[in-house]
Structure formats: C-alpha cells, structure tokens
Amino acid sequence: MLAQTCTEYGWTLKAMEVMPDHVHLLLEASPDDAPSSTARTLKSISAVHIFTAFPKLEERRFWGSGLWPRGCCYGSVGAITEDSVEKYIGNQKSNIGGTE
C-alpha cells in the first residue's frame, strides 16, 4: 500500500524495509512536496487501510492517537550517494542488535 500510494502521488519508491518498530523508505519526490507532508500522507493512508483490513486493531491502544507515532526522521541524498542509502536500508534486518 505504501508503494501504491507513492505511485498515486507521483513519488518513486526506490527502497523500503519494514522493521519491528519503524519503516525505512527511500523515495523520490518533487521539491515541491515537503517531506513532512509526504510522511503524513503515507502514514494516514496506510493507517486507514490497515484499520479497514484489521478492525480488531482499533480496539488496541497505540501511542498517541493512531497507528503511527508523530515523529519522523528525514534526510536527503546529496552528501552520500543514493546507492549508499539503498544499501543501508537493504541491510537493516541483518543489523538488528548491531552497531549501525
């Protein structure tokens, strides 16, 4: 659903890794699309889909008022290469408990 949302909004999803408590995404968006708006859109649409598919989840208590926490970490590719970011995201599951 994240990839589909990116496509619908004209963003290119280049890499994704779902971790136990967060998600890493590398996506390409227009400079006119603020990272905070992009994250808010992805969180909102995915939460609606998840709660629709799994209505029992709405009975559980989540931090804050919904599925996703308010915080995000944004970065841009420039000081390092896009390939480096893709490799970092792709190696996240093998780094659980590691130093990276």
PDB file of N, CA and C in Angstrom:
ATOM      1  N   MET A   1       0.812  -1.194   0.000  1.00  0.00           N
ATOM      2  CA  MET A   1       0.000   0.000   0.000  1.00  0.00           C
ATOM      3  C   MET A   1       0.860   1.265   0.000  1.00  0.00           C
ATOM      4  N   LEU A   2       2.051   1.185   0.581  1.00  0.00           N
ATOM      5  CA  LEU A   2       2.942   2.346   0.543  1.00  0.00           C
ATOM      6  C   LEU A   2       3.428   2.603  -0.875  1.00  0.00           C
ATOM      7  N   ALA A   3       3.781   1.530  -1.589  1.00  0.00           N
ATOM      8  CA  ALA A   3       4.219   1.679  -2.975  1.00  0.00           C
ATOM      9  C   ALA A   3       3.089   2.221  -3.848  1.00  0.00           C
ATOM     10  N   GLN A   4       1.891   1.728  -3.622  1.00  0.00           N
ATOM     11  CA  GLN A   4       0.736   2.194  -4.399  1.00  0.00           C
ATOM     12  C   GLN A   4       0.460   3.673  -4.123  1.00  0.00           C
ATOM     13  N   THR A   5       0.547   4.075  -2.872  1.00  0.00           N
ATOM     14  CA  THR A   5       0.334   5.478  -2.521  1.00  0.00           C
ATOM     15  C   THR A   5       1.396   6.356  -3.177  1.00  0.00           C
ATOM     16  N   CYS A   6       2.645   5.910  -3.151  1.00  0.00           N
ATOM     17  CA  CYS A   6       3.712   6.677  -3.809  1.00  0.00           C
ATOM     18  C   CYS A   6       3.398   6.856  -5.287  1.00  0.00           C
ATOM     19  N   THR A   7       2.982   5.794  -5.944  1.00  0.00           N
ATOM     20  CA  THR A   7       2.644   5.865  -7.369  1.00  0.00           C
ATOM     21  C   THR A   7       1.508   6.849  -7.607  1.00  0.00           C
ATOM     22  N   GLU A   8       0.475   6.775  -6.782  1.00  0.00           N
ATOM     23  CA  GLU A   8      -0.683   7.652  -6.952  1.00  0.00           C
ATOM     24  C   GLU A   8      -0.334   9.125  -6.764  1.00  0.00           C
ATOM     25  N   TYR A   9       0.652   9.405  -5.937  1.00  0.00           N
ATOM     26  CA  TYR A   9       1.045  10.794  -5.682  1.00  0.00           C
ATOM     27  C   TYR A   9       2.224  11.249  -6.550  1.00  0.00           C
ATOM     28  N   GLY A  10       2.705  10.380  -7.420  1.00  0.00           N
ATOM     29  CA  GLY A  10       3.799  10.753  -8.309  1.00  0.00           C
ATOM     30  C   GLY A  10       5.167  10.657  -7.677  1.00  0.00           C
ATOM     31  N   TRP A  11       5.290   9.908  -6.586  1.00  0.00           N
ATOM     32  CA  TRP A  11       6.575   9.693  -5.937  1.00  0.00           C
ATOM     33  C   TRP A  11       7.121   8.351  -6.397  1.00  0.00           C
ATOM     34  N   THR A  12       8.438   8.207  -6.431  1.00  0.00           N
ATOM     35  CA  THR A  12       9.070   6.957  -6.823  1.00  0.00           C
ATOM     36  C   THR A  12       9.664   6.291  -5.588  1.00  0.00           C
ATOM     37  N   LEU A  13       9.132   5.129  -5.223  1.00  0.00           N
ATOM     38  CA  LEU A  13       9.649   4.368  -4.092  1.00  0.00           C
ATOM     39  C   LEU A  13      10.850   3.572  -4.579  1.00  0.00           C
ATOM     40  N   LYS A  14      12.022   3.881  -4.044  1.00  0.00           N
ATOM     41  CA  LYS A  14      13.261   3.264  -4.504  1.00  0.00           C
ATOM     42  C   LYS A  14      13.725   2.139  -3.594  1.00  0.00           C
ATOM     43  N   ALA A  15      13.432   2.217  -2.314  1.00  0.00           N
ATOM     44  CA  ALA A  15      13.812   1.169  -1.364  1.00  0.00           C
ATOM     45  C   ALA A  15      12.903   1.257  -0.148  1.00  0.00           C
ATOM     46  N   MET A  16      12.643   0.084   0.451  1.00  0.00           N
ATOM     47  CA  MET A  16      11.816   0.053   1.657  1.00  0.00           C
ATOM     48  C   MET A  16      12.225  -1.146   2.497  1.00  0.00           C
ATOM     49  N   GLU A  17      12.269  -0.959   3.798  1.00  0.00           N
ATOM     50  CA  GLU A  17      12.499  -2.058   4.724  1.00  0.00           C
ATOM     51  C   GLU A  17      11.596  -1.839   5.929  1.00  0.00           C
ATOM     52  N   VAL A  18      10.792  -2.841   6.234  1.00  0.00           N
ATOM     53  CA  VAL A  18       9.875  -2.767   7.367  1.00  0.00           C
ATOM     54  C   VAL A  18      10.553  -3.427   8.553  1.00  0.00           C
ATOM     55  N   MET A  19      10.733  -2.668   9.609  1.00  0.00           N
ATOM     56  CA  MET A  19      11.370  -3.140  10.828  1.00  0.00           C
ATOM     57  C   MET A  19      10.296  -3.383  11.889  1.00  0.00           C
ATOM     58  N   PRO A  20      10.649  -4.017  12.996  1.00  0.00           N
ATOM     59  CA  PRO A  20       9.635  -4.286  14.022  1.00  0.00           C
ATOM     60  C   PRO A  20       8.956  -3.026  14.572  1.00  0.00           C
ATOM     61  N   ASP A  21       9.678  -1.910  14.627  1.00  0.00           N
ATOM     62  CA  ASP A  21       9.090  -0.713  15.228  1.00  0.00           C
ATOM     63  C   ASP A  21       9.189   0.539  14.355  1.00  0.00           C
ATOM     64  N   HIS A  22       9.613   0.392  13.099  1.00  0.00           N
ATOM     65  CA  HIS A  22       9.673   1.543  12.198  1.00  0.00           C
ATOM     66  C   HIS A  22       9.843   1.066  10.754  1.00  0.00           C
ATOM     67  N   VAL A  23       9.765   1.985   9.833  1.00  0.00           N
ATOM     68  CA  VAL A  23       9.895   1.676   8.413  1.00  0.00           C
ATOM     69  C   VAL A  23      10.926   2.616   7.809  1.00  0.00           C
ATOM     70  N   HIS A  24      11.834   2.077   7.012  1.00  0.00           N
ATOM     71  CA  HIS A  24      12.787   2.882   6.248  1.00  0.00           C
ATOM     72  C   HIS A  24      12.265   2.992   4.826  1.00  0.00           C
ATOM     73  N   LEU A  25      12.208   4.191   4.290  1.00  0.00           N
ATOM     74  CA  LEU A  25      11.796   4.410   2.906  1.00  0.00           C
ATOM     75  C   LEU A  25      12.809   5.316   2.222  1.00  0.00           C
ATOM     76  N   LEU A  26      13.123   4.990   0.991  1.00  0.00           N
ATOM     77  CA  LEU A  26      13.873   5.898   0.135  1.00  0.00           C
ATOM     78  C   LEU A  26      12.945   6.182  -1.027  1.00  0.00           C
ATOM     79  N   LEU A  27      12.535   7.425  -1.140  1.00  0.00           N
ATOM     80  CA  LEU A  27      11.656   7.763  -2.246  1.00  0.00           C
ATOM     81  C   LEU A  27      12.068   9.057  -2.884  1.00  0.00           C
ATOM     82  N   GLU A  28      11.710   9.184  -4.134  1.00  0.00           N
ATOM     83  CA  GLU A  28      11.999  10.393  -4.895  1.00  0.00           C
ATOM     84  C   GLU A  28      10.692  11.151  -5.061  1.00  0.00           C
ATOM     85  N   ALA A  29      10.718  12.409  -4.683  1.00  0.00           N
ATOM     86  CA  ALA A  29       9.533  13.257  -4.784  1.00  0.00           C
ATOM     87  C   ALA A  29       9.950  14.613  -5.344  1.00  0.00           C
ATOM     88  N   SER A  30       8.982  15.349  -5.790  1.00  0.00           N
ATOM     89  CA  SER A  30       9.220  16.694  -6.300  1.00  0.00           C
ATOM     90  C   SER A  30       9.733  17.593  -5.179  1.00  0.00           C
ATOM     91  N   PRO A  31      10.570  18.560  -5.489  1.00  0.00           N
ATOM     92  CA  PRO A  31      10.995  19.516  -4.469  1.00  0.00           C
ATOM     93  C   PRO A  31       9.817  20.287  -3.858  1.00  0.00           C
ATOM     94  N   ASP A  32       8.689  20.309  -4.564  1.00  0.00           N
ATOM     95  CA  ASP A  32       7.503  20.985  -4.034  1.00  0.00           C
ATOM     96  C   ASP A  32       6.787  20.167  -2.964  1.00  0.00           C
ATOM     97  N   ASP A  33       7.113  18.868  -2.841  1.00  0.00           N
ATOM     98  CA  ASP A  33       6.488  18.000  -1.840  1.00  0.00           C
ATOM     99  C   ASP A  33       7.333  18.012  -0.575  1.00  0.00           C
ATOM    100  N   ALA A  34       6.838  18.657   0.458  1.00  0.00           N
ATOM    101  CA  ALA A  34       7.569  18.718   1.723  1.00  0.00           C
ATOM    102  C   ALA A  34       7.673  17.331   2.335  1.00  0.00           C
ATOM    103  N   PRO A  35       8.839  16.964   2.873  1.00  0.00           N
ATOM    104  CA  PRO A  35       8.980  15.645   3.492  1.00  0.00           C
ATOM    105  C   PRO A  35       7.931  15.378   4.570  1.00  0.00           C
ATOM    106  N   SER A  36       7.584  16.395   5.353  1.00  0.00           N
ATOM    107  CA  SER A  36       6.582  16.187   6.403  1.00  0.00           C
ATOM    108  C   SER A  36       5.213  15.866   5.806  1.00  0.00           C
ATOM    109  N   SER A  37       4.855  16.499   4.705  1.00  0.00           N
ATOM    110  CA  SER A  37       3.583  16.208   4.043  1.00  0.00           C
ATOM    111  C   SER A  37       3.583  14.818   3.421  1.00  0.00           C
ATOM    112  N   THR A  38       4.707  14.440   2.846  1.00  0.00           N
ATOM    113  CA  THR A  38       4.833  13.110   2.251  1.00  0.00           C
ATOM    114  C   THR A  38       4.663  12.046   3.334  1.00  0.00           C
ATOM    115  N   ALA A  39       5.370  12.192   4.449  1.00  0.00           N
ATOM    116  CA  ALA A  39       5.267  11.227   5.552  1.00  0.00           C
ATOM    117  C   ALA A  39       3.845  11.202   6.113  1.00  0.00           C
ATOM    118  N   ARG A  40       3.242  12.356   6.301  1.00  0.00           N
ATOM    119  CA  ARG A  40       1.883  12.429   6.838  1.00  0.00           C
ATOM    120  C   ARG A  40       0.902  11.700   5.907  1.00  0.00           C
ATOM    121  N   THR A  41       1.047  11.895   4.606  1.00  0.00           N
ATOM    122  CA  THR A  41       0.173  11.242   3.635  1.00  0.00           C
ATOM    123  C   THR A  41       0.347   9.724   3.697  1.00  0.00           C
ATOM    124  N   LEU A  42       1.587   9.259   3.691  1.00  0.00           N
ATOM    125  CA  LEU A  42       1.840   7.822   3.746  1.00  0.00           C
ATOM    126  C   LEU A  42       1.313   7.205   5.037  1.00  0.00           C
ATOM    127  N   LYS A  43       1.520   7.877   6.154  1.00  0.00           N
ATOM    128  CA  LYS A  43       1.027   7.366   7.437  1.00  0.00           C
ATOM    129  C   LYS A  43      -0.496   7.325   7.471  1.00  0.00           C
ATOM    130  N   SER A  44      -1.124   8.384   7.027  1.00  0.00           N
ATOM    131  CA  SER A  44      -2.579   8.479   7.080  1.00  0.00           C
ATOM    132  C   SER A  44      -3.251   7.418   6.210  1.00  0.00           C
ATOM    133  N   ILE A  45      -2.829   7.335   4.966  1.00  0.00           N
ATOM    134  CA  ILE A  45      -3.455   6.386   4.038  1.00  0.00           C
ATOM    135  C   ILE A  45      -3.190   4.947   4.474  1.00  0.00           C
ATOM    136  N   SER A  46      -1.977   4.652   4.912  1.00  0.00           N
ATOM    137  CA  SER A  46      -1.678   3.280   5.337  1.00  0.00           C
ATOM    138  C   SER A  46      -2.454   2.914   6.600  1.00  0.00           C
ATOM    139  N   ALA A  47      -2.612   3.841   7.530  1.00  0.00           N
ATOM    140  CA  ALA A  47      -3.383   3.555   8.742  1.00  0.00           C
ATOM    141  C   ALA A  47      -4.834   3.245   8.408  1.00  0.00           C
ATOM    142  N   VAL A  48      -5.436   3.999   7.509  1.00  0.00           N
ATOM    143  CA  VAL A  48      -6.817   3.743   7.101  1.00  0.00           C
ATOM    144  C   VAL A  48      -6.918   2.339   6.503  1.00  0.00           C
ATOM    145  N   HIS A  49      -6.003   1.984   5.623  1.00  0.00           N
ATOM    146  CA  HIS A  49      -6.024   0.653   5.002  1.00  0.00           C
ATOM    147  C   HIS A  49      -5.855  -0.454   6.047  1.00  0.00           C
ATOM    148  N   ILE A  50      -4.929  -0.269   6.962  1.00  0.00           N
ATOM    149  CA  ILE A  50      -4.663  -1.295   7.977  1.00  0.00           C
ATOM    150  C   ILE A  50      -5.859  -1.456   8.901  1.00  0.00           C
ATOM    151  N   PHE A  51      -6.428  -0.349   9.387  1.00  0.00           N
ATOM    152  CA  PHE A  51      -7.582  -0.442  10.276  1.00  0.00           C
ATOM    153  C   PHE A  51      -8.808  -0.997   9.560  1.00  0.00           C
ATOM    154  N   THR A  52      -8.933  -0.752   8.267  1.00  0.00           N
ATOM    155  CA  THR A  52     -10.044  -1.314   7.497  1.00  0.00           C
ATOM    156  C   THR A  52      -9.857  -2.821   7.328  1.00  0.00           C
ATOM    157  N   ALA A  53      -8.635  -3.239   7.044  1.00  0.00           N
ATOM    158  CA  ALA A  53      -8.358  -4.657   6.850  1.00  0.00           C
ATOM    159  C   ALA A  53      -8.375  -5.443   8.164  1.00  0.00           C
ATOM    160  N   PHE A  54      -7.993  -4.794   9.249  1.00  0.00           N
ATOM    161  CA  PHE A  54      -7.903  -5.458  10.553  1.00  0.00           C
ATOM    162  C   PHE A  54      -8.639  -4.630  11.609  1.00  0.00           C
ATOM    163  N   PRO A  55      -9.986  -4.669  11.607  1.00  0.00           N
ATOM    164  CA  PRO A  55     -10.761  -3.813  12.509  1.00  0.00           C
ATOM    165  C   PRO A  55     -10.473  -4.047  13.990  1.00  0.00           C
ATOM    166  N   LYS A  56     -10.022  -5.226  14.358  1.00  0.00           N
ATOM    167  CA  LYS A  56      -9.714  -5.511  15.768  1.00  0.00           C
ATOM    168  C   LYS A  56      -8.566  -4.641  16.281  1.00  0.00           C
ATOM    169  N   LEU A  57      -7.717  -4.177  15.375  1.00  0.00           N
ATOM    170  CA  LEU A  57      -6.597  -3.339  15.791  1.00  0.00           C
ATOM    171  C   LEU A  57      -7.064  -2.030  16.421  1.00  0.00           C
ATOM    172  N   GLU A  58      -8.225  -1.549  15.991  1.00  0.00           N
ATOM    173  CA  GLU A  58      -8.718  -0.282  16.534  1.00  0.00           C
ATOM    174  C   GLU A  58      -9.046  -0.388  18.019  1.00  0.00           C
ATOM    175  N   GLU A  59      -9.260  -1.612  18.492  1.00  0.00           N
ATOM    176  CA  GLU A  59      -9.554  -1.810  19.921  1.00  0.00           C
ATOM    177  C   GLU A  59      -8.302  -1.694  20.782  1.00  0.00           C
ATOM    178  N   ARG A  60      -7.136  -1.856  20.164  1.00  0.00           N
ATOM    179  CA  ARG A  60      -5.883  -1.773  20.905  1.00  0.00           C
ATOM    180  C   ARG A  60      -5.491  -0.327  21.138  1.00  0.00           C
ATOM    181  N   ARG A  61      -4.723  -0.120  22.160  1.00  0.00           N
ATOM    182  CA  ARG A  61      -4.214   1.229  22.428  1.00  0.00           C
ATOM    183  C   ARG A  61      -2.858   1.384  21.745  1.00  0.00           C
ATOM    184  N   PHE A  62      -2.701   2.459  21.006  1.00  0.00           N
ATOM    185  CA  PHE A  62      -1.441   2.779  20.367  1.00  0.00           C
ATOM    186  C   PHE A  62      -0.906   4.061  20.998  1.00  0.00           C
ATOM    187  N   TRP A  63       0.404   4.263  20.901  1.00  0.00           N
ATOM    188  CA  TRP A  63       0.974   5.512  21.390  1.00  0.00           C
ATOM    189  C   TRP A  63       0.330   6.658  20.638  1.00  0.00           C
ATOM    190  N   GLY A  64      -0.034   7.686  21.324  1.00  0.00           N
ATOM    191  CA  GLY A  64      -0.672   8.834  20.675  1.00  0.00           C
ATOM    192  C   GLY A  64      -2.096   8.504  20.288  1.00  0.00           C
ATOM    193  N   SER A  65      -2.528   9.025  19.163  1.00  0.00           N
ATOM    194  CA  SER A  65      -3.926   8.873  18.789  1.00  0.00           C
ATOM    195  C   SER A  65      -4.141   7.924  17.614  1.00  0.00           C
ATOM    196  N   GLY A  66      -3.099   7.258  17.142  1.00  0.00           N
ATOM    197  CA  GLY A  66      -3.295   6.404  15.981  1.00  0.00           C
ATOM    198  C   GLY A  66      -2.241   5.334  15.864  1.00  0.00           C
ATOM    199  N   LEU A  67      -2.163   4.763  14.699  1.00  0.00           N
ATOM    200  CA  LEU A  67      -1.237   3.668  14.440  1.00  0.00           C
ATOM    201  C   LEU A  67       0.214   4.131  14.449  1.00  0.00           C
ATOM    202  N   TRP A  68       0.479   5.246  13.797  1.00  0.00           N
ATOM    203  CA  TRP A  68       1.846   5.727  13.631  1.00  0.00           C
ATOM    204  C   TRP A  68       2.172   6.797  14.669  1.00  0.00           C
ATOM    205  N   PRO A  69       3.397   6.807  15.184  1.00  0.00           N
ATOM    206  CA  PRO A  69       3.800   7.901  16.075  1.00  0.00           C
ATOM    207  C   PRO A  69       3.954   9.199  15.276  1.00  0.00           C
ATOM    208  N   ARG A  70       3.994  10.312  15.978  1.00  0.00           N
ATOM    209  CA  ARG A  70       4.084  11.621  15.318  1.00  0.00           C
ATOM    210  C   ARG A  70       5.451  11.860  14.683  1.00  0.00           C
ATOM    211  N   GLY A  71       6.484  11.317  15.274  1.00  0.00           N
ATOM    212  CA  GLY A  71       7.841  11.621  14.832  1.00  0.00           C
ATOM    213  C   GLY A  71       8.243  10.978  13.522  1.00  0.00           C
ATOM    214  N   CYS A  72       9.212  11.594  12.872  1.00  0.00           N
ATOM    215  CA  CYS A  72       9.815  11.092  11.635  1.00  0.00           C
ATOM    216  C   CYS A  72      11.253  11.580  11.586  1.00  0.00           C
ATOM    217  N   CYS A  73      12.033  10.905  10.790  1.00  0.00           N
ATOM    218  CA  CYS A  73      13.388  11.367  10.506  1.00  0.00           C
ATOM    219  C   CYS A  73      13.498  11.497   9.001  1.00  0.00           C
ATOM    220  N   TYR A  74      13.886  12.670   8.526  1.00  0.00           N
ATOM    221  CA  TYR A  74      14.002  12.924   7.095  1.00  0.00           C
ATOM    222  C   TYR A  74      15.457  13.194   6.758  1.00  0.00           C
ATOM    223  N   GLY A  75      15.812  12.803   5.577  1.00  0.00           N
ATOM    224  CA  GLY A  75      17.144  13.112   5.077  1.00  0.00           C
ATOM    225  C   GLY A  75      17.065  13.249   3.577  1.00  0.00           C
ATOM    226  N   SER A  76      18.086  13.818   3.002  1.00  0.00           N
ATOM    227  CA  SER A  76      18.120  13.924   1.545  1.00  0.00           C
ATOM    228  C   SER A  76      19.430  13.327   1.048  1.00  0.00           C
ATOM    229  N   VAL A  77      19.373  12.796  -0.145  1.00  0.00           N
ATOM    230  CA  VAL A  77      20.569  12.230  -0.752  1.00  0.00           C
ATOM    231  C   VAL A  77      21.341  13.384  -1.366  1.00  0.00           C
ATOM    232  N   GLY A  78      22.592  13.464  -1.082  1.00  0.00           N
ATOM    233  CA  GLY A  78      23.416  14.548  -1.603  1.00  0.00           C
ATOM    234  C   GLY A  78      24.836  14.392  -1.093  1.00  0.00           C
ATOM    235  N   ALA A  79      24.983  14.386   0.219  1.00  0.00           N
ATOM    236  CA  ALA A  79      26.307  14.233   0.808  1.00  0.00           C
ATOM    237  C   ALA A  79      26.808  12.796   0.634  1.00  0.00           C
ATOM    238  N   ILE A  80      25.864  11.848   0.531  1.00  0.00           N
ATOM    239  CA  ILE A  80      26.205  10.462   0.241  1.00  0.00           C
ATOM    240  C   ILE A  80      25.420  10.046  -0.995  1.00  0.00           C
ATOM    241  N   THR A  81      25.769   8.927  -1.582  1.00  0.00           N
ATOM    242  CA  THR A  81      25.109   8.521  -2.813  1.00  0.00           C
ATOM    243  C   THR A  81      23.785   7.812  -2.533  1.00  0.00           C
ATOM    244  N   GLU A  82      22.927   7.833  -3.532  1.00  0.00           N
ATOM    245  CA  GLU A  82      21.657   7.114  -3.444  1.00  0.00           C
ATOM    246  C   GLU A  82      21.915   5.619  -3.249  1.00  0.00           C
ATOM    247  N   ASP A  83      22.924   5.079  -3.902  1.00  0.00           N
ATOM    248  CA  ASP A  83      23.265   3.664  -3.743  1.00  0.00           C
ATOM    249  C   ASP A  83      23.610   3.344  -2.289  1.00  0.00           C
ATOM    250  N   SER A  84      24.317   4.237  -1.624  1.00  0.00           N
ATOM    251  CA  SER A  84      24.677   4.027  -0.216  1.00  0.00           C
ATOM    252  C   SER A  84      23.429   3.973   0.659  1.00  0.00           C
ATOM    253  N   VAL A  85      22.469   4.843   0.390  1.00  0.00           N
ATOM    254  CA  VAL A  85      21.226   4.852   1.171  1.00  0.00           C
ATOM    255  C   VAL A  85      20.448   3.566   0.916  1.00  0.00           C
ATOM    256  N   GLU A  86      20.367   3.140  -0.349  1.00  0.00           N
ATOM    257  CA  GLU A  86      19.666   1.894  -0.681  1.00  0.00           C
ATOM    258  C   GLU A  86      20.310   0.702   0.019  1.00  0.00           C
ATOM    259  N   LYS A  87      21.640   0.632   0.039  1.00  0.00           N
ATOM    260  CA  LYS A  87      22.336  -0.462   0.722  1.00  0.00           C
ATOM    261  C   LYS A  87      22.062  -0.422   2.219  1.00  0.00           C
ATOM    262  N   TYR A  88      22.092   0.768   2.804  1.00  0.00           N
ATOM    263  CA  TYR A  88      21.806   0.917   4.230  1.00  0.00           C
ATOM    264  C   TYR A  88      20.411   0.380   4.550  1.00  0.00           C
ATOM    265  N   ILE A  89      19.428   0.785   3.771  1.00  0.00           N
ATOM    266  CA  ILE A  89      18.053   0.330   4.005  1.00  0.00           C
ATOM    267  C   ILE A  89      17.962  -1.183   3.812  1.00  0.00           C
ATOM    268  N   GLY A  90      18.575  -1.701   2.763  1.00  0.00           N
ATOM    269  CA  GLY A  90      18.523  -3.129   2.487  1.00  0.00           C
ATOM    270  C   GLY A  90      19.186  -3.992   3.536  1.00  0.00           C
ATOM    271  N   ASN A  91      20.128  -3.426   4.298  1.00  0.00           N
ATOM    272  CA  ASN A  91      20.849  -4.188   5.325  1.00  0.00           C
ATOM    273  C   ASN A  91      20.263  -4.042   6.723  1.00  0.00           C
ATOM    274  N   GLN A  92      19.150  -3.365   6.876  1.00  0.00           N
ATOM    275  CA  GLN A  92      18.633  -3.091   8.208  1.00  0.00           C
ATOM    276  C   GLN A  92      18.289  -4.348   9.003  1.00  0.00           C
ATOM    277  N   LYS A  93      17.658  -5.311   8.398  1.00  0.00           N
ATOM    278  CA  LYS A  93      17.272  -6.511   9.149  1.00  0.00           C
ATOM    279  C   LYS A  93      18.481  -7.304   9.596  1.00  0.00           C
ATOM    280  N   SER A  94      19.555  -7.290   8.828  1.00  0.00           N
ATOM    281  CA  SER A  94      20.769  -8.011   9.239  1.00  0.00           C
ATOM    282  C   SER A  94      21.513  -7.244  10.326  1.00  0.00           C
ATOM    283  N   ASN A  95      21.183  -5.966  10.533  1.00  0.00           N
ATOM    284  CA  ASN A  95      21.869  -5.138  11.539  1.00  0.00           C
ATOM    285  C   ASN A  95      21.123  -5.062  12.864  1.00  0.00           C
ATOM    286  N   ILE A  96      20.009  -5.785  13.016  1.00  0.00           N
ATOM    287  CA  ILE A  96      19.263  -5.716  14.274  1.00  0.00           C
ATOM    288  C   ILE A  96      20.194  -6.164  15.407  1.00  0.00           C
ATOM    289  N   GLY A  97      20.314  -5.318  16.391  1.00  0.00           N
ATOM    290  CA  GLY A  97      21.199  -5.599  17.509  1.00  0.00           C
ATOM    291  C   GLY A  97      22.641  -5.236  17.236  1.00  0.00           C
ATOM    292  N   GLY A  98      22.928  -4.750  16.025  1.00  0.00           N
ATOM    293  CA  GLY A  98      24.289  -4.361  15.666  1.00  0.00           C
ATOM    294  C   GLY A  98      24.558  -2.927  16.031  1.00  0.00           C
ATOM    295  N   THR A  99      25.631  -2.402  15.496  1.00  0.00           N
ATOM    296  CA  THR A  99      26.030  -1.042  15.837  1.00  0.00           C
ATOM    297  C   THR A  99      25.507  -0.011  14.856  1.00  0.00           C
ATOM    298  N   GLU A 100      25.042  -0.430  13.681  1.00  0.00           N
ATOM    299  CA  GLU A 100      24.585   0.549  12.686  1.00  0.00           C
ATOM    300  C   GLU A 100      23.199   1.038  12.970  1.00  0.00           C
TER     301      GLU A 100
END
